[in-house]
């Protein structure tokens, strides 16, 4: 399972989601959108918008097919421990 977390470096809910994923001992990539610049930031926002039109954070993309938006520990755990 490929997991990519789009987050903001200053967002408490993003940090909680990241910690939860670490606690579950799953591998994931994290992209801090607010520290990116120029075309890299634009590209990351386009990626987020594909799965979350509101472009809110955190957005956890699962296998490039669906996303969990917001800090939802139960849903995350159920999804990543299947």
Protein backbone atom coordinates (compact mmCIF):
# COMPACT_ATOMS: atom_id res chain seq x y z
CA UNK A 1 0.00 0.00 0.00
CA UNK A 2 1.39 3.39 -1.02
CA UNK A 3 0.56 6.25 1.32
CA UNK A 4 1.28 9.91 0.69
CA UNK A 5 0.41 12.52 3.28
CA UNK A 6 -0.03 16.08 2.05
CA UNK A 7 0.36 18.35 5.05
CA UNK A 8 1.22 21.81 6.28
CA UNK A 9 4.25 22.15 8.54
CA UNK A 10 2.30 24.35 10.98
CA UNK A 11 -0.91 22.28 11.15
CA UNK A 12 -1.61 20.44 14.41
CA UNK A 13 -3.99 17.99 12.70
CA UNK A 14 -1.33 17.22 10.10
CA UNK A 15 1.16 16.49 12.88
CA UNK A 16 -1.35 14.26 14.66
CA UNK A 17 -1.99 12.34 11.43
CA UNK A 18 1.74 11.93 10.82
CA UNK A 19 2.28 10.70 14.40
CA UNK A 20 -0.63 8.28 14.09
CA UNK A 21 0.86 6.79 10.92
CA UNK A 22 4.25 6.42 12.64
CA UNK A 23 2.58 4.79 15.66
CA UNK A 24 0.92 2.30 13.29
CA UNK A 25 4.41 1.56 11.90
CA UNK A 26 3.40 2.01 8.28
CA UNK A 27 5.58 3.50 5.58
CA UNK A 28 4.41 6.75 4.06
CA UNK A 29 5.75 9.80 2.28
CA UNK A 30 4.95 13.27 3.53
CA UNK A 31 4.84 16.45 1.47
CA UNK A 32 4.75 19.73 3.39
CA UNK A 33 2.99 21.84 0.81
CA UNK A 34 3.56 25.15 2.61
CA UNK A 35 7.36 24.86 2.41
CA UNK A 36 7.40 24.14 -1.31
CA UNK A 37 7.93 26.96 -3.78
CA UNK A 38 6.95 27.75 -7.34
CA UNK A 39 6.04 24.92 -9.67
CA UNK A 40 6.65 22.25 -6.99
CA UNK A 41 4.01 23.86 -4.78
CA UNK A 42 1.61 24.28 -7.70
CA UNK A 43 2.03 20.60 -8.62
CA UNK A 44 1.44 19.45 -5.02
CA UNK A 45 -1.74 21.54 -4.80
CA UNK A 46 -3.00 20.06 -8.09
CA UNK A 47 -2.38 16.57 -6.67
CA UNK A 48 -4.29 17.38 -3.48
CA UNK A 49 -7.16 18.88 -5.49
CA UNK A 50 -7.60 15.61 -7.44
CA UNK A 51 -8.59 13.83 -4.23
CA UNK A 52 -9.81 16.75 -2.14
CA UNK A 53 -11.35 19.63 -4.14
CA UNK A 54 -11.37 21.81 -0.99
CA UNK A 55 -7.56 21.50 -0.85
CA UNK A 56 -7.64 21.16 2.93
CA UNK A 57 -5.08 19.47 5.11
CA UNK A 58 -4.16 16.84 6.05
CA UNK A 59 -4.96 14.82 2.94
CA UNK A 60 -3.78 11.21 3.03
CA UNK A 61 -3.74 9.62 -0.44
CA UNK A 62 -4.02 5.83 -0.53
CA UNK A 63 -2.60 3.98 -3.54
CA UNK A 64 -3.29 7.03 -5.70
CA UNK A 65 -6.96 6.05 -5.75
CA UNK A 66 -8.68 7.63 -2.78
CA UNK A 67 -8.01 9.91 0.14
CA UNK A 68 -8.81 10.42 3.79
CA UNK A 69 -9.21 14.12 4.50
CA UNK A 70 -8.65 15.44 8.01
CA UNK A 71 -7.48 13.70 11.16
CA UNK A 72 -9.56 10.51 11.26
CA UNK A 73 -7.54 8.00 13.30
CA UNK A 74 -10.11 5.20 13.22
CA UNK A 75 -10.55 5.39 9.45
CA UNK A 76 -6.79 5.59 8.93
CA UNK A 77 -6.14 2.58 11.16
CA UNK A 78 -8.89 0.53 9.51
CA UNK A 79 -7.54 1.38 6.06
CA UNK A 80 -3.83 0.79 6.64
CA UNK A 81 -4.10 -2.36 8.77
CA UNK A 82 -6.26 -4.41 6.40
